[in-house]
Amino acid sequence: MIKLNLHITPLLVALVMLGCQAHPQSSQPSQTSSATTSELSWATILEQNPDAKVVTNADFLKRIKATGLPWRVQDKATGIEMLLMPPGVFTMGASQGDERAVEMQKLMLQKFPQFKYTEQPAHQVTITKPFYLGRTEVTQVQWVRVMQQNPSLFQAGNANEITQMYLKHHFVEWTGIAMTNEEARTRAETAARDDKFKPVERVSWDDCQKFCAKTGMTLPTEAQWEYACRADVDKPTYGQLDQIAWNIDNSKFSTHSVKHKAPNTLGFYDMIGNIVEWTQDWYEGGYYTSCAGGVIDPVGPAQSELKARVLRGGGWDDDANHSRASQRGHCEPDNIYGSFGFRAARTP
């Protein structure tokens, strides 16, 4: 039987969401971009052409080259390394045979019908424009460079606060993990070690917008996020979960430095696990029904009945049920938690 940890609190809402804007069915998008490398004044070019040892998907390798844009760049202001995602077509939503998605929807509709949760129907999405996406989640040092402060729970000197989080009812309820005071303190001291390459967390969607306003970046749309996460893999995850993701079974109840788990076939790290990632879209649980005929460059619904934004990817405190490419989370845009972070995107 699949275990589903679904607890709805102001800080922990059952994970759910997406966004698609209906458009006519399209053919394969154009592979040529009108942008030129001279327009990337914000970036330092690290590699013009994709490394075949990193981009192991032959079709993506060809399409990245066809854009004429640099594959690997670094944002000058923040130091964020970004990889180019070319135009393309993919299937978004529950993977065929994903029993966890079926069970999740069944349980959510039974217990929380107001969320209208579904990862179905799977539908075709066409991405017509290339975009850059952070190779990793935004780290604490990158956030501090822009925002001049570090909101993260898992940072040096924060053992007391981490201890209290481990002992709180909502943490125990969500994870099923109960600790004594001594156990919590011991774990907290490990979790609070100095590590500037951990992802920044405890940032709200609103906080992310402030970061983006200062840097010229954006959050990826939910479709862009899943397109990059899947990397043409039609399974629930792009690899064995323990090898690609920090989750409740291996995280030791903390975030970890980025790039310590295996990347997907496009070179992106921690797309699943470590922290849950905000996306740009509003949340409507049943929105996929309007996408069934296929959509082009979806940006999500115009509003959210729950006034919530989409979260994706699962975090260090999530189990396998929530650590899947199609799993959809949601939360109010001003909400924070020790597993809420983000990955930056940018248009050429």
C-alpha atoms as a PDB file:
ATOM      1  CA  MET A   1       0.000   0.000   0.000  1.00  0.00           C
ATOM      2  CA  ILE A   2       1.302   3.419  -0.915  1.00  0.00           C
ATOM      3  CA  LYS A   3       1.941   5.705   2.011  1.00  0.00           C
ATOM      4  CA  LEU A   4       0.770   9.268   1.414  1.00  0.00           C
ATOM      5  CA  ASN A   5       1.721  11.981   3.872  1.00  0.00           C
ATOM      6  CA  LEU A   6      -0.951  14.587   3.239  1.00  0.00           C
ATOM      7  CA  HIS A   7      -1.358  17.180   5.958  1.00  0.00           C
ATOM      8  CA  ILE A   8      -2.919  20.530   5.266  1.00  0.00           C
ATOM      9  CA  THR A   9      -1.580  23.322   7.453  1.00  0.00           C
ATOM     10  CA  PRO A  10      -0.701  26.976   6.796  1.00  0.00           C
ATOM     11  CA  LEU A  11       2.882  25.859   6.179  1.00  0.00           C
ATOM     12  CA  LEU A  12       2.368  22.413   4.709  1.00  0.00           C
ATOM     13  CA  VAL A  13      -0.359  21.997   2.155  1.00  0.00           C
ATOM     14  CA  ALA A  14      -0.882  18.763   0.303  1.00  0.00           C
ATOM     15  CA  LEU A  15       1.217  19.030  -2.836  1.00  0.00           C
ATOM     16  CA  VAL A  16      -0.827  19.830  -5.918  1.00  0.00           C
ATOM     17  CA  MET A  17      -0.861  22.017  -9.088  1.00  0.00           C
ATOM     18  CA  LEU A  18      -0.036  23.142 -12.662  1.00  0.00           C
ATOM     19  CA  GLY A  19      -0.940  25.559 -15.356  1.00  0.00           C
ATOM     20  CA  CYS A  20      -1.710  25.403 -19.036  1.00  0.00           C
ATOM     21  CA  GLN A  21      -3.155  27.863 -21.471  1.00  0.00           C
ATOM     22  CA  ALA A  22      -5.115  26.228 -24.249  1.00  0.00           C
ATOM     23  CA  HIS A  23      -3.927  26.822 -27.800  1.00  0.00           C
ATOM     24  CA  PRO A  24      -4.381  25.069 -31.126  1.00  0.00           C
ATOM     25  CA  GLN A  25      -2.320  21.938 -31.733  1.00  0.00           C
ATOM     26  CA  SER A  26       1.053  22.743 -33.240  1.00  0.00           C
ATOM     27  CA  SER A  27       3.644  21.111 -35.399  1.00  0.00           C
ATOM     28  CA  GLN A  28       7.285  20.738 -34.351  1.00  0.00           C
ATOM     29  CA  PRO A  29       8.495  24.206 -33.292  1.00  0.00           C
ATOM     30  CA  SER A  30      11.159  26.087 -35.163  1.00  0.00           C
ATOM     31  CA  GLN A  31      14.674  25.341 -33.992  1.00  0.00           C
ATOM     32  CA  THR A  32      16.195  28.682 -34.965  1.00  0.00           C
ATOM     33  CA  SER A  33      16.209  31.553 -32.495  1.00  0.00           C
ATOM     34  CA  SER A  34      16.234  35.201 -33.514  1.00  0.00           C
ATOM     35  CA  ALA A  35      18.414  35.995 -30.513  1.00  0.00           C
ATOM     36  CA  THR A  36      22.168  36.242 -30.989  1.00  0.00           C
ATOM     37  CA  THR A  37      24.992  35.647 -28.562  1.00  0.00           C
ATOM     38  CA  SER A  38      25.763  39.374 -28.618  1.00  0.00           C
ATOM     39  CA  GLU A  39      22.419  39.957 -26.907  1.00  0.00           C
ATOM     40  CA  LEU A  40      23.478  37.915 -23.877  1.00  0.00           C
ATOM     41  CA  SER A  41      25.094  40.900 -22.190  1.00  0.00           C
ATOM     42  CA  TRP A  42      24.013  39.527 -18.811  1.00  0.00           C
ATOM     43  CA  ALA A  43      25.990  36.306 -19.243  1.00  0.00           C
ATOM     44  CA  THR A  44      29.490  34.924 -19.457  1.00  0.00           C
ATOM     45  CA  ILE A  45      29.611  32.142 -22.040  1.00  0.00           C
ATOM     46  CA  LEU A  46      31.129  29.019 -20.500  1.00  0.00           C
ATOM     47  CA  GLU A  47      30.574  26.616 -23.401  1.00  0.00           C
ATOM     48  CA  GLN A  48      29.074  27.402 -26.792  1.00  0.00           C
ATOM     49  CA  ASN A  49      28.239  23.847 -27.790  1.00  0.00           C
ATOM     50  CA  PRO A  50      26.727  21.189 -25.545  1.00  0.00           C
ATOM     51  CA  ASP A  51      29.021  18.566 -24.070  1.00  0.00           C
ATOM     52  CA  ALA A  52      27.908  15.147 -25.312  1.00  0.00           C
ATOM     53  CA  LYS A  53      29.095  13.622 -22.027  1.00  0.00           C
ATOM     54  CA  VAL A  54      26.586  15.819 -20.182  1.00  0.00           C
ATOM     55  CA  VAL A  55      23.724  16.091 -22.675  1.00  0.00           C
ATOM     56  CA  THR A  56      23.398  12.386 -23.342  1.00  0.00           C
ATOM     57  CA  ASN A  57      20.071  12.701 -25.159  1.00  0.00           C
ATOM     58  CA  ALA A  58      20.980  12.817 -28.865  1.00  0.00           C
ATOM     59  CA  ASP A  59      17.810  14.618 -29.953  1.00  0.00           C
ATOM     60  CA  PHE A  60      18.264  17.380 -27.380  1.00  0.00           C
ATOM     61  CA  LEU A  61      21.933  17.663 -28.346  1.00  0.00           C
ATOM     62  CA  LYS A  62      20.943  18.352 -31.937  1.00  0.00           C
ATOM     63  CA  ARG A  63      18.191  20.817 -31.039  1.00  0.00           C
ATOM     64  CA  ILE A  64      20.377  22.795 -28.636  1.00  0.00           C
ATOM     65  CA  LYS A  65      23.007  23.270 -31.354  1.00  0.00           C
ATOM     66  CA  ALA A  66      20.305  24.313 -33.835  1.00  0.00           C
ATOM     67  CA  THR A  67      19.343  27.354 -31.755  1.00  0.00           C
ATOM     68  CA  GLY A  68      22.735  28.957 -32.365  1.00  0.00           C
ATOM     69  CA  LEU A  69      22.753  30.085 -28.736  1.00  0.00           C
ATOM     70  CA  PRO A  70      25.422  29.212 -26.157  1.00  0.00           C
ATOM     71  CA  TRP A  71      24.608  26.028 -24.263  1.00  0.00           C
ATOM     72  CA  ARG A  72      26.201  26.796 -20.891  1.00  0.00           C
ATOM     73  CA  VAL A  73      26.378  30.321 -19.492  1.00  0.00           C
ATOM     74  CA  GLN A  74      26.869  32.035 -16.143  1.00  0.00           C
ATOM     75  CA  ASP A  75      24.835  35.005 -14.999  1.00  0.00           C
ATOM     76  CA  LYS A  76      27.296  37.810 -14.283  1.00  0.00           C
ATOM     77  CA  ALA A  77      25.370  39.375 -11.407  1.00  0.00           C
ATOM     78  CA  THR A  78      24.635  36.243  -9.401  1.00  0.00           C
ATOM     79  CA  GLY A  79      27.096  33.582 -10.525  1.00  0.00           C
ATOM     80  CA  ILE A  80      24.206  31.255 -11.381  1.00  0.00           C
ATOM     81  CA  GLU A  81      25.146  28.666 -14.004  1.00  0.00           C
ATOM     82  CA  MET A  82      22.397  28.163 -16.587  1.00  0.00           C
ATOM     83  CA  LEU A  83      21.810  25.635 -19.362  1.00  0.00           C
ATOM     84  CA  LEU A  84      19.897  26.253 -22.570  1.00  0.00           C
ATOM     85  CA  MET A  85      16.593  24.485 -23.127  1.00  0.00           C
ATOM     86  CA  PRO A  86      15.668  24.375 -26.836  1.00  0.00           C
ATOM     87  CA  PRO A  87      12.162  24.440 -28.304  1.00  0.00           C
ATOM     88  CA  GLY A  88      10.439  21.077 -28.283  1.00  0.00           C
ATOM     89  CA  VAL A  89       7.370  18.955 -27.677  1.00  0.00           C
ATOM     90  CA  PHE A  90       6.788  16.686 -24.690  1.00  0.00           C
ATOM     91  CA  THR A  91       4.034  14.887 -22.813  1.00  0.00           C
ATOM     92  CA  MET A  92       3.140  16.590 -19.533  1.00  0.00           C
ATOM     93  CA  GLY A  93       1.254  14.953 -16.686  1.00  0.00           C
ATOM     94  CA  ALA A  94       1.108  11.535 -15.062  1.00  0.00           C
ATOM     95  CA  SER A  95       3.424   9.027 -16.706  1.00  0.00           C
ATOM     96  CA  GLN A  96       1.860   5.918 -18.160  1.00  0.00           C
ATOM     97  CA  GLY A  97       1.719   3.233 -15.481  1.00  0.00           C
ATOM     98  CA  ASP A  98       2.455   5.646 -12.609  1.00  0.00           C
ATOM     99  CA  GLU A  99       0.430   3.990  -9.856  1.00  0.00           C
ATOM    100  CA  ARG A 100       1.468   6.627  -7.330  1.00  0.00           C
ATOM    101  CA  ALA A 101      -0.182   9.327  -9.440  1.00  0.00           C
ATOM    102  CA  VAL A 102      -3.408   7.328  -9.611  1.00  0.00           C
ATOM    103  CA  GLU A 103      -3.396   6.667  -5.869  1.00  0.00           C
ATOM    104  CA  MET A 104      -2.549  10.300  -5.101  1.00  0.00           C
ATOM    105  CA  GLN A 105      -5.465  11.587  -7.132  1.00  0.00           C
ATOM    106  CA  LYS A 106      -7.842   9.077  -5.564  1.00  0.00           C
ATOM    107  CA  LEU A 107      -6.845  10.013  -2.032  1.00  0.00           C
ATOM    108  CA  MET A 108      -6.865  13.748  -2.689  1.00  0.00           C
ATOM    109  CA  LEU A 109     -10.331  13.659  -4.216  1.00  0.00           C
ATOM    110  CA  GLN A 110     -11.540  11.642  -1.264  1.00  0.00           C
ATOM    111  CA  LYS A 111     -10.012  13.743   1.514  1.00  0.00           C
ATOM    112  CA  PHE A 112      -9.504  17.166  -0.057  1.00  0.00           C
ATOM    113  CA  PRO A 113     -12.004  17.594  -2.922  1.00  0.00           C
ATOM    114  CA  GLN A 114     -11.626  21.383  -2.757  1.00  0.00           C
ATOM    115  CA  PHE A 115      -8.130  21.021  -4.256  1.00  0.00           C
ATOM    116  CA  LYS A 116      -9.483  19.282  -7.381  1.00  0.00           C
ATOM    117  CA  TYR A 117      -6.155  17.493  -7.605  1.00  0.00           C
ATOM    118  CA  THR A 118      -5.173  15.618 -10.730  1.00  0.00           C
ATOM    119  CA  GLU A 119      -2.059  14.916 -12.759  1.00  0.00           C
ATOM    120  CA  GLN A 120      -4.277  13.827 -15.643  1.00  0.00           C
ATOM    121  CA  PRO A 121      -4.918  13.835 -18.483  1.00  0.00           C
ATOM    122  CA  ALA A 122      -1.383  13.590 -19.796  1.00  0.00           C
ATOM    123  CA  HIS A 123      -1.225  16.044 -22.685  1.00  0.00           C
ATOM    124  CA  GLN A 124       1.111  17.337 -25.340  1.00  0.00           C
ATOM    125  CA  VAL A 125       2.926  20.603 -24.638  1.00  0.00           C
ATOM    126  CA  THR A 126       4.813  22.561 -27.283  1.00  0.00           C
ATOM    127  CA  ILE A 127       7.597  24.906 -26.161  1.00  0.00           C
ATOM    128  CA  THR A 128       8.300  27.287 -29.048  1.00  0.00           C
ATOM    129  CA  LYS A 129      11.026  29.484 -27.573  1.00  0.00           C
ATOM    130  CA  PRO A 130      14.421  28.595 -26.094  1.00  0.00           C
ATOM    131  CA  PHE A 131      15.064  29.539 -22.483  1.00  0.00           C
ATOM    132  CA  TYR A 132      17.821  29.266 -19.914  1.00  0.00           C
ATOM    133  CA  LEU A 133      17.324  27.440 -16.636  1.00  0.00           C
ATOM    134  CA  GLY A 134      19.514  27.237 -13.564  1.00  0.00           C
ATOM    135  CA  ARG A 135      21.602  24.080 -13.607  1.00  0.00           C
ATOM    136  CA  THR A 136      20.980  23.854  -9.878  1.00  0.00           C
ATOM    137  CA  GLU A 137      18.603  25.335  -7.370  1.00  0.00           C
ATOM    138  CA  VAL A 138      19.577  28.860  -6.300  1.00  0.00           C
ATOM    139  CA  THR A 139      22.089  28.500  -3.473  1.00  0.00           C
ATOM    140  CA  GLN A 140      22.372  30.459  -0.267  1.00  0.00           C
ATOM    141  CA  VAL A 141      25.503  32.286  -1.420  1.00  0.00           C
ATOM    142  CA  GLN A 142      23.821  33.293  -4.686  1.00  0.00           C
ATOM    143  CA  TRP A 143      20.763  34.565  -2.839  1.00  0.00           C
ATOM    144  CA  VAL A 144      22.849  36.571  -0.363  1.00  0.00           C
ATOM    145  CA  ARG A 145      24.833  38.134  -3.200  1.00  0.00           C
ATOM    146  CA  VAL A 146      21.602  39.747  -4.434  1.00  0.00           C
ATOM    147  CA  MET A 147      19.401  40.109  -1.351  1.00  0.00           C
ATOM    148  CA  GLN A 148      22.070  40.780   1.325  1.00  0.00           C
ATOM    149  CA  GLN A 149      20.513  38.391   3.842  1.00  0.00           C
ATOM    150  CA  ASN A 150      19.995  34.659   4.284  1.00  0.00           C
ATOM    151  CA  PRO A 151      16.496  33.461   5.265  1.00  0.00           C
ATOM    152  CA  SER A 152      17.422  29.758   5.212  1.00  0.00           C
ATOM    153  CA  LEU A 153      16.645  27.449   8.096  1.00  0.00           C
ATOM    154  CA  PHE A 154      19.548  25.143   7.310  1.00  0.00           C
ATOM    155  CA  GLN A 155      22.512  27.451   7.791  1.00  0.00           C
ATOM    156  CA  ALA A 156      25.407  27.773  10.200  1.00  0.00           C
ATOM    157  CA  GLY A 157      24.519  28.876  13.720  1.00  0.00           C
ATOM    158  CA  ASN A 158      20.863  27.918  13.378  1.00  0.00           C
ATOM    159  CA  ALA A 159      20.857  24.690  15.407  1.00  0.00           C
ATOM    160  CA  ASN A 160      18.402  25.980  18.009  1.00  0.00           C
ATOM    161  CA  GLU A 161      15.761  26.871  15.446  1.00  0.00           C
ATOM    162  CA  ILE A 162      16.258  23.627  13.533  1.00  0.00           C
ATOM    163  CA  THR A 163      15.847  21.691  16.793  1.00  0.00           C
ATOM    164  CA  GLN A 164      12.535  23.400  17.463  1.00  0.00           C
ATOM    165  CA  MET A 165      11.342  22.646  13.929  1.00  0.00           C
ATOM    166  CA  TYR A 166      12.111  18.938  14.379  1.00  0.00           C
ATOM    167  CA  LEU A 167      10.057  18.878  17.578  1.00  0.00           C
ATOM    168  CA  LYS A 168       7.007  20.723  16.224  1.00  0.00           C
ATOM    169  CA  HIS A 169       3.780  18.855  15.723  1.00  0.00           C
ATOM    170  CA  HIS A 170       3.429  19.706  12.032  1.00  0.00           C
ATOM    171  CA  PHE A 171       6.878  18.281  11.259  1.00  0.00           C
ATOM    172  CA  VAL A 172       6.145  15.047  13.131  1.00  0.00           C
ATOM    173  CA  GLU A 173       2.712  14.795  11.520  1.00  0.00           C
ATOM    174  CA  TRP A 174       4.025  15.415   8.010  1.00  0.00           C
ATOM    175  CA  THR A 175       7.080  13.140   8.136  1.00  0.00           C
ATOM    176  CA  GLY A 176       6.031  10.529  10.664  1.00  0.00           C
ATOM    177  CA  ILE A 177       9.345  11.143  12.446  1.00  0.00           C
ATOM    178  CA  ALA A 178       9.306  11.659  16.229  1.00  0.00           C
ATOM    179  CA  MET A 179      12.504  12.666  18.048  1.00  0.00           C
ATOM    180  CA  THR A 180      13.524  13.174  21.640  1.00  0.00           C
ATOM    181  CA  ASN A 181      14.978  16.567  22.550  1.00  0.00           C
ATOM    182  CA  GLU A 182      18.469  15.077  22.542  1.00  0.00           C
ATOM    183  CA  GLU A 183      18.020  13.398  19.174  1.00  0.00           C
ATOM    184  CA  ALA A 184      16.635  16.579  17.667  1.00  0.00           C
ATOM    185  CA  ARG A 185      19.553  18.627  18.953  1.00  0.00           C
ATOM    186  CA  THR A 186      22.131  16.162  17.625  1.00  0.00           C
ATOM    187  CA  ARG A 187      20.523  16.113  14.198  1.00  0.00           C
ATOM    188  CA  ALA A 188      20.153  19.899  14.189  1.00  0.00           C
ATOM    189  CA  GLU A 189      23.844  20.444  14.873  1.00  0.00           C
ATOM    190  CA  THR A 190      24.665  18.369  11.810  1.00  0.00           C
ATOM    191  CA  ALA A 191      22.036  20.116   9.707  1.00  0.00           C
ATOM    192  CA  ALA A 192      23.371  23.544  10.722  1.00  0.00           C
ATOM    193  CA  ARG A 193      26.878  22.955   9.435  1.00  0.00           C
ATOM    194  CA  ASP A 194      28.403  25.773   7.392  1.00  0.00           C
ATOM    195  CA  ASP A 195      27.696  25.047   3.733  1.00  0.00           C
ATOM    196  CA  LYS A 196      27.130  27.955   1.375  1.00  0.00           C
ATOM    197  CA  PHE A 197      26.314  25.617  -1.514  1.00  0.00           C
ATOM    198  CA  LYS A 198      23.098  24.408   0.050  1.00  0.00           C
ATOM    199  CA  PRO A 199      20.012  25.721  -1.740  1.00  0.00           C
ATOM    200  CA  VAL A 200      18.365  28.766  -0.250  1.00  0.00           C
ATOM    201  CA  GLU A 201      15.038  27.854   1.344  1.00  0.00           C
ATOM    202  CA  ARG A 202      12.369  29.405   3.491  1.00  0.00           C
ATOM    203  CA  VAL A 203      11.694  31.817   0.639  1.00  0.00           C
ATOM    204  CA  SER A 204       8.153  32.579  -0.480  1.00  0.00           C
ATOM    205  CA  TRP A 205       6.964  32.993  -4.053  1.00  0.00           C
ATOM    206  CA  ASP A 206       6.780  36.715  -3.298  1.00  0.00           C
ATOM    207  CA  ASP A 207      10.423  36.658  -2.159  1.00  0.00           C
ATOM    208  CA  CYS A 208      11.400  34.961  -5.417  1.00  0.00           C
ATOM    209  CA  GLN A 209       9.718  37.758  -7.367  1.00  0.00           C
ATOM    210  CA  LYS A 210      11.853  40.326  -5.537  1.00  0.00           C
ATOM    211  CA  PHE A 211      14.996  38.359  -6.405  1.00  0.00           C
ATOM    212  CA  CYS A 212      13.920  38.148 -10.035  1.00  0.00           C
ATOM    213  CA  ALA A 213      13.142  41.865 -10.193  1.00  0.00           C
ATOM    214  CA  LYS A 214      16.697  42.636  -9.085  1.00  0.00           C
ATOM    215  CA  THR A 215      18.352  40.196 -11.509  1.00  0.00           C
ATOM    216  CA  GLY A 216      16.239  40.170 -14.667  1.00  0.00           C
ATOM    217  CA  MET A 217      15.404  36.525 -14.111  1.00  0.00           C
ATOM    218  CA  THR A 218      12.056  34.766 -13.793  1.00  0.00           C
ATOM    219  CA  LEU A 219      10.643  31.623 -12.284  1.00  0.00           C
ATOM    220  CA  PRO A 220      10.092  28.882 -14.867  1.00  0.00           C
ATOM    221  CA  THR A 221       6.534  28.130 -15.822  1.00  0.00           C
ATOM    222  CA  GLU A 222       5.296  24.788 -14.612  1.00  0.00           C
ATOM    223  CA  ALA A 223       5.498  23.444 -18.160  1.00  0.00           C
ATOM    224  CA  GLN A 224       9.081  24.665 -18.581  1.00  0.00           C
ATOM    225  CA  TRP A 225       9.984  23.058 -15.277  1.00  0.00           C
ATOM    226  CA  GLU A 226       8.569  19.634 -16.202  1.00  0.00           C
ATOM    227  CA  TYR A 227      10.057  19.837 -19.709  1.00  0.00           C
ATOM    228  CA  ALA A 228      13.531  20.320 -18.217  1.00  0.00           C
ATOM    229  CA  CYS A 229      12.978  17.803 -15.426  1.00  0.00           C
ATOM    230  CA  ARG A 230      11.821  14.975 -17.664  1.00  0.00           C
ATOM    231  CA  ALA A 231      14.535  15.492 -20.287  1.00  0.00           C
ATOM    232  CA  ASP A 232      12.570  13.249 -22.656  1.00  0.00           C
ATOM    233  CA  VAL A 233      12.128  10.520 -20.015  1.00  0.00           C
ATOM    234  CA  ASP A 234       8.537   9.287 -19.882  1.00  0.00           C
ATOM    235  CA  LYS A 235       8.848   7.644 -16.454  1.00  0.00           C
ATOM    236  CA  PRO A 236       7.882   9.168 -13.063  1.00  0.00           C
ATOM    237  CA  THR A 237      11.553   9.960 -12.329  1.00  0.00           C
ATOM    238  CA  TYR A 238      14.604  10.372 -14.567  1.00  0.00           C
ATOM    239  CA  GLY A 239      16.556   7.800 -12.542  1.00  0.00           C
ATOM    240  CA  GLN A 240      16.533   5.694  -9.393  1.00  0.00           C
ATOM    241  CA  LEU A 241      15.229   7.985  -6.647  1.00  0.00           C
ATOM    242  CA  ASP A 242      18.039   7.412  -4.161  1.00  0.00           C
ATOM    243  CA  GLN A 243      20.612   8.241  -6.829  1.00  0.00           C
ATOM    244  CA  ILE A 244      19.018  11.461  -8.076  1.00  0.00           C
ATOM    245  CA  ALA A 245      17.209  12.971  -5.085  1.00  0.00           C
ATOM    246  CA  TRP A 246      17.590  13.937  -1.448  1.00  0.00           C
ATOM    247  CA  ASN A 247      14.335  12.773   0.135  1.00  0.00           C
ATOM    248  CA  ILE A 248      12.976  11.726   3.519  1.00  0.00           C
ATOM    249  CA  ASP A 249      14.735   8.347   3.299  1.00  0.00           C
ATOM    250  CA  ASN A 250      18.269   9.638   2.726  1.00  0.00           C
ATOM    251  CA  SER A 251      18.433  13.358   3.578  1.00  0.00           C
ATOM    252  CA  LYS A 252      18.952  12.993   7.334  1.00  0.00           C
ATOM    253  CA  PHE A 253      16.275  15.696   7.624  1.00  0.00           C
ATOM    254  CA  SER A 254      18.248  18.502   6.010  1.00  0.00           C
ATOM    255  CA  THR A 255      19.029  20.086   2.668  1.00  0.00           C
ATOM    256  CA  HIS A 256      22.343  19.248   1.024  1.00  0.00           C
ATOM    257  CA  SER A 257      24.816  20.959  -1.281  1.00  0.00           C
ATOM    258  CA  VAL A 258      23.680  21.051  -4.882  1.00  0.00           C
ATOM    259  CA  LYS A 259      25.293  18.731  -7.448  1.00  0.00           C
ATOM    260  CA  HIS A 260      25.778  15.834  -5.021  1.00  0.00           C
ATOM    261  CA  LYS A 261      23.201  13.599  -6.711  1.00  0.00           C
ATOM    262  CA  ALA A 262      23.163  12.355 -10.307  1.00  0.00           C
ATOM    263  CA  PRO A 263      21.902  14.848 -12.919  1.00  0.00           C
ATOM    264  CA  ASN A 264      19.331  14.131 -15.597  1.00  0.00           C
ATOM    265  CA  THR A 265      20.278  13.607 -19.237  1.00  0.00           C
ATOM    266  CA  LEU A 266      20.405  17.374 -19.841  1.00  0.00           C
ATOM    267  CA  GLY A 267      22.797  18.102 -16.978  1.00  0.00           C
ATOM    268  CA  PHE A 268      20.323  19.563 -14.452  1.00  0.00           C
ATOM    269  CA  TYR A 269      20.806  18.617 -10.794  1.00  0.00           C
ATOM    270  CA  ASP A 270      18.245  18.138  -8.017  1.00  0.00           C
ATOM    271  CA  MET A 271      15.206  18.633 -10.219  1.00  0.00           C
ATOM    272  CA  ILE A 272      13.629  16.105  -7.889  1.00  0.00           C
ATOM    273  CA  GLY A 273      14.393  16.280  -4.164  1.00  0.00           C
ATOM    274  CA  ASN A 274      16.460  18.561  -1.910  1.00  0.00           C
ATOM    275  CA  ILE A 275      13.980  21.474  -1.987  1.00  0.00           C
ATOM    276  CA  VAL A 276      10.525  21.988  -3.455  1.00  0.00           C
ATOM    277  CA  GLU A 277      10.734  24.563  -6.241  1.00  0.00           C
ATOM    278  CA  TRP A 278       8.354  27.457  -6.842  1.00  0.00           C
ATOM    279  CA  THR A 279       7.144  27.970 -10.396  1.00  0.00           C
ATOM    280  CA  GLN A 280       5.498  31.023 -11.898  1.00  0.00           C
ATOM    281  CA  ASP A 281       1.996  29.592 -12.413  1.00  0.00           C
ATOM    282  CA  TRP A 282      -1.192  30.020 -10.439  1.00  0.00           C
ATOM    283  CA  TYR A 283      -2.679  26.773  -9.137  1.00  0.00           C
ATOM    284  CA  GLU A 284      -5.904  25.175 -10.275  1.00  0.00           C
ATOM    285  CA  GLY A 285      -6.017  21.459  -9.510  1.00  0.00           C
ATOM    286  CA  GLY A 286      -8.194  20.432 -12.443  1.00  0.00           C
ATOM    287  CA  TYR A 287      -6.584  22.673 -15.025  1.00  0.00           C
ATOM    288  CA  TYR A 288      -5.191  19.767 -17.058  1.00  0.00           C
ATOM    289  CA  THR A 289      -8.695  19.074 -18.349  1.00  0.00           C
ATOM    290  CA  SER A 290      -8.451  22.265 -20.414  1.00  0.00           C
ATOM    291  CA  CYS A 291      -5.103  21.119 -21.827  1.00  0.00           C
ATOM    292  CA  ALA A 292      -6.241  17.737 -23.130  1.00  0.00           C
ATOM    293  CA  GLY A 293      -6.100  18.768 -26.786  1.00  0.00           C
ATOM    294  CA  GLY A 294      -2.533  20.009 -26.531  1.00  0.00           C
ATOM    295  CA  VAL A 295      -1.171  23.424 -25.576  1.00  0.00           C
ATOM    296  CA  ILE A 296       1.507  25.838 -26.765  1.00  0.00           C
ATOM    297  CA  ASP A 297       3.767  27.736 -24.344  1.00  0.00           C
ATOM    298  CA  PRO A 298       1.330  27.366 -21.425  1.00  0.00           C
ATOM    299  CA  VAL A 299       1.541  29.908 -18.627  1.00  0.00           C
ATOM    300  CA  GLY A 300      -1.145  28.536 -16.341  1.00  0.00           C
ATOM    301  CA  PRO A 301      -4.598  29.769 -15.346  1.00  0.00           C
ATOM    302  CA  ALA A 302      -5.340  33.460 -14.967  1.00  0.00           C
ATOM    303  CA  GLN A 303      -6.130  33.054 -11.280  1.00  0.00           C
ATOM    304  CA  SER A 304      -6.322  30.494  -8.498  1.00  0.00           C
ATOM    305  CA  GLU A 305      -9.459  29.639  -6.581  1.00  0.00           C
ATOM    306  CA  LEU A 306      -7.191  28.790  -3.639  1.00  0.00           C
ATOM    307  CA  LYS A 307      -4.981  31.838  -4.257  1.00  0.00           C
ATOM    308  CA  ALA A 308      -1.999  29.499  -4.494  1.00  0.00           C
ATOM    309  CA  ARG A 309       1.067  29.144  -6.706  1.00  0.00           C
ATOM    310  CA  VAL A 310       2.600  25.916  -8.020  1.00  0.00           C
ATOM    311  CA  LEU A 311       5.441  24.042  -6.317  1.00  0.00           C
ATOM    312  CA  ARG A 312       7.324  21.215  -7.999  1.00  0.00           C
ATOM    313  CA  GLY A 313       9.882  18.466  -7.459  1.00  0.00           C
ATOM    314  CA  GLY A 314       9.552  17.316  -3.848  1.00  0.00           C
ATOM    315  CA  GLY A 315      12.024  18.157  -1.103  1.00  0.00           C
ATOM    316  CA  TRP A 316      14.256  16.697   1.599  1.00  0.00           C
ATOM    317  CA  ASP A 317      11.210  15.926   3.785  1.00  0.00           C
ATOM    318  CA  ASP A 318       9.110  14.275   1.066  1.00  0.00           C
ATOM    319  CA  ASP A 319       8.639  10.580   0.360  1.00  0.00           C
ATOM    320  CA  ALA A 320       8.623   8.812  -3.001  1.00  0.00           C
ATOM    321  CA  ASN A 321       4.956   9.630  -3.571  1.00  0.00           C
ATOM    322  CA  HIS A 322       5.785  13.324  -3.796  1.00  0.00           C
ATOM    323  CA  SER A 323       9.158  12.943  -5.555  1.00  0.00           C
ATOM    324  CA  ARG A 324       8.044  12.543  -9.165  1.00  0.00           C
ATOM    325  CA  ALA A 325       8.241  14.591 -12.359  1.00  0.00           C
ATOM    326  CA  SER A 326       4.470  15.101 -12.585  1.00  0.00           C
ATOM    327  CA  GLN A 327       3.651  15.581  -8.888  1.00  0.00           C
ATOM    328  CA  ARG A 328       2.018  18.960  -8.321  1.00  0.00           C
ATOM    329  CA  GLY A 329       2.328  21.052  -5.170  1.00  0.00           C
ATOM    330  CA  HIS A 330       0.718  24.328  -4.213  1.00  0.00           C
ATOM    331  CA  CYS A 331       0.912  26.986  -1.523  1.00  0.00           C
ATOM    332  CA  GLU A 332      -0.032  30.609  -0.940  1.00  0.00           C
ATOM    333  CA  PRO A 333       2.579  32.952  -2.488  1.00  0.00           C
ATOM    334  CA  ASP A 334       3.521  34.560   0.837  1.00  0.00           C
ATOM    335  CA  ASN A 335       4.157  31.231   2.576  1.00  0.00           C
ATOM    336  CA  ILE A 336       7.577  29.948   3.625  1.00  0.00           C
ATOM    337  CA  TYR A 337       8.904  26.625   4.831  1.00  0.00           C
ATOM    338  CA  GLY A 338      12.278  24.933   5.252  1.00  0.00           C
ATOM    339  CA  SER A 339      11.882  23.030   1.994  1.00  0.00           C
ATOM    340  CA  PHE A 340      10.576  25.848  -0.240  1.00  0.00           C
ATOM    341  CA  GLY A 341      13.141  27.241  -2.685  1.00  0.00           C
ATOM    342  CA  PHE A 342      13.479  27.835  -6.408  1.00  0.00           C
ATOM    343  CA  ARG A 343      15.432  27.536  -9.643  1.00  0.00           C
ATOM    344  CA  ALA A 344      15.905  30.637 -11.788  1.00  0.00           C
ATOM    345  CA  ALA A 345      15.026  30.922 -15.474  1.00  0.00           C
ATOM    346  CA  ARG A 346      15.804  33.510 -18.115  1.00  0.00           C
ATOM    347  CA  THR A 347      14.923  34.212 -21.740  1.00  0.00           C
ATOM    348  CA  PRO A 348      17.789  34.885 -24.193  1.00  0.00           C
END
